[in-house]
Amino acid sequence: MKSRYLEIILTFIALMLALLVVRQYQAPATVRAESEQSNLFIEPGYLNLRSPDGLTQVQGKMVVNLNNGEIWGFPTLVNGPYPVDLTASKPPVSKPMYLGQFDFSSMKRTR
């Protein structure tokens, strides 16, 4: 009686393991080549942003795109970390202004 019970239990375990293997081949887990992380560096604090043409100078946040080295400034209109407009009842949306680019490709170590 015990050996028959043991055979049934082991057969059941073997079938369940086979089912897991077959399921992996039928519907494999998706793999993504892209990262879930953002490749943006946001400078801590806020600073004085000056446009390349020199016509605009405002307080804001600086953001660097680490993929291509582009530098963007997001005006905050005040000396603070986020945009504030005291004349409007709705929160303002800060539009980016292009500040320049870091040439990451020219960084090479020399000995």
Protein backbone atom coordinates (compact mmCIF):
# COMPACT_ATOMS: atom_id res chain seq x y z
CA MET A 1 0.00 0.00 0.00
CA LYS A 2 2.78 2.44 0.90
CA SER A 3 4.73 1.82 -2.31
CA ARG A 4 1.61 2.46 -4.45
CA TYR A 5 0.95 5.74 -2.57
CA LEU A 6 4.62 6.75 -3.04
CA GLU A 7 4.46 5.99 -6.78
CA ILE A 8 1.32 8.12 -7.18
CA ILE A 9 2.84 11.08 -5.30
CA LEU A 10 6.14 10.91 -7.23
CA THR A 11 4.27 10.64 -10.52
CA PHE A 12 2.17 13.66 -9.59
CA ILE A 13 5.31 15.69 -8.72
CA ALA A 14 6.98 14.65 -12.00
CA LEU A 15 3.89 15.70 -14.00
CA MET A 16 3.75 19.09 -12.26
CA LEU A 17 7.44 19.71 -12.98
CA ALA A 18 6.93 18.73 -16.61
CA LEU A 19 3.98 21.12 -16.78
CA LEU A 20 6.20 23.98 -15.53
CA VAL A 21 8.83 23.23 -18.18
CA VAL A 22 6.29 23.02 -21.00
CA ARG A 23 4.68 26.30 -19.89
CA GLN A 24 8.04 28.10 -20.12
CA TYR A 25 8.46 26.95 -23.74
CA GLN A 26 4.91 27.89 -24.74
CA ALA A 27 4.91 31.38 -23.21
CA PRO A 28 8.44 32.50 -22.29
CA ALA A 29 8.93 35.57 -20.13
CA THR A 30 9.33 38.80 -22.12
CA VAL A 31 12.77 40.33 -22.18
CA ARG A 32 13.33 44.00 -22.93
CA ALA A 33 16.51 45.49 -24.30
CA GLU A 34 15.61 48.94 -23.05
CA SER A 35 16.19 50.00 -19.51
CA GLU A 36 13.40 50.94 -17.15
CA GLN A 37 15.63 53.63 -15.67
CA SER A 38 15.74 57.19 -16.84
CA ASN A 39 19.04 58.42 -18.27
CA LEU A 40 18.56 61.98 -17.08
CA PHE A 41 20.74 63.71 -14.52
CA ILE A 42 18.93 66.50 -12.68
CA GLU A 43 21.33 68.95 -11.05
CA PRO A 44 20.57 69.28 -7.33
CA GLY A 45 19.23 72.66 -6.28
CA TYR A 46 18.56 75.43 -8.77
CA LEU A 47 20.83 77.85 -10.58
CA ASN A 48 20.95 80.79 -12.92
CA LEU A 49 20.17 79.57 -16.48
CA ARG A 50 21.51 81.58 -19.39
CA SER A 51 20.43 80.81 -22.95
CA PRO A 52 23.22 80.40 -25.55
CA ASP A 53 22.20 83.64 -27.31
CA GLY A 54 22.49 85.53 -24.01
CA LEU A 55 19.03 87.07 -24.24
CA THR A 56 17.37 84.98 -21.51
CA GLN A 57 18.59 84.64 -17.96
CA VAL A 58 16.30 82.98 -15.38
CA GLN A 59 16.41 80.81 -12.28
CA GLY A 60 15.78 77.12 -12.87
CA LYS A 61 16.82 73.48 -12.88
CA MET A 62 19.48 72.02 -15.17
CA VAL A 63 18.97 68.55 -16.69
CA VAL A 64 21.56 66.54 -18.63
CA ASN A 65 20.50 63.73 -20.98
CA LEU A 66 23.19 61.11 -20.33
CA ASN A 67 22.47 59.32 -23.63
CA ASN A 68 23.53 62.17 -25.90
CA GLY A 69 24.99 64.87 -23.60
CA GLU A 70 22.31 67.49 -24.30
CA ILE A 71 21.85 70.06 -21.55
CA TRP A 72 18.41 71.51 -20.92
CA GLY A 73 17.22 74.19 -18.52
CA PHE A 74 13.77 74.27 -16.97
CA PRO A 75 12.90 77.77 -15.71
CA THR A 76 11.24 77.91 -12.29
CA LEU A 77 10.57 81.70 -12.36
CA VAL A 78 11.57 81.92 -8.67
CA ASN A 79 14.48 80.94 -6.43
CA GLY A 80 12.99 77.51 -5.82
CA PRO A 81 13.11 73.92 -7.06
CA TYR A 82 9.80 73.97 -8.97
CA PRO A 83 7.97 76.52 -11.15
CA VAL A 84 5.78 79.07 -9.38
CA ASP A 85 3.63 81.81 -10.93
CA LEU A 86 2.03 84.02 -8.27
CA THR A 87 -0.21 85.76 -10.82
CA ALA A 88 -2.05 82.61 -11.97
CA SER A 89 -4.31 80.22 -10.08
CA LYS A 90 -3.17 77.17 -12.09
CA PRO A 91 0.28 75.61 -11.57
CA PRO A 92 2.68 76.64 -14.37
CA VAL A 93 4.34 74.20 -16.75
CA SER A 94 8.05 74.81 -17.26
CA LYS A 95 9.12 74.40 -20.90
CA PRO A 96 12.72 73.31 -21.50
CA MET A 97 15.27 75.59 -23.09
CA TYR A 98 18.29 74.14 -24.86
CA LEU A 99 21.55 75.21 -23.19
CA GLY A 100 24.22 73.18 -24.99
CA GLN A 101 25.77 69.72 -25.21
CA PHE A 102 28.55 67.74 -23.59
CA ASP A 103 30.62 65.72 -26.09
CA PHE A 104 30.81 62.41 -24.23
CA SER A 105 32.32 60.66 -27.26
CA SER A 106 35.59 62.63 -26.98
CA MET A 107 36.25 61.44 -23.43
CA LYS A 108 39.14 59.03 -23.79
CA ARG A 109 41.63 57.89 -21.20
CA THR A 110 45.27 58.46 -22.13
CA ARG A 111 48.21 56.92 -20.34
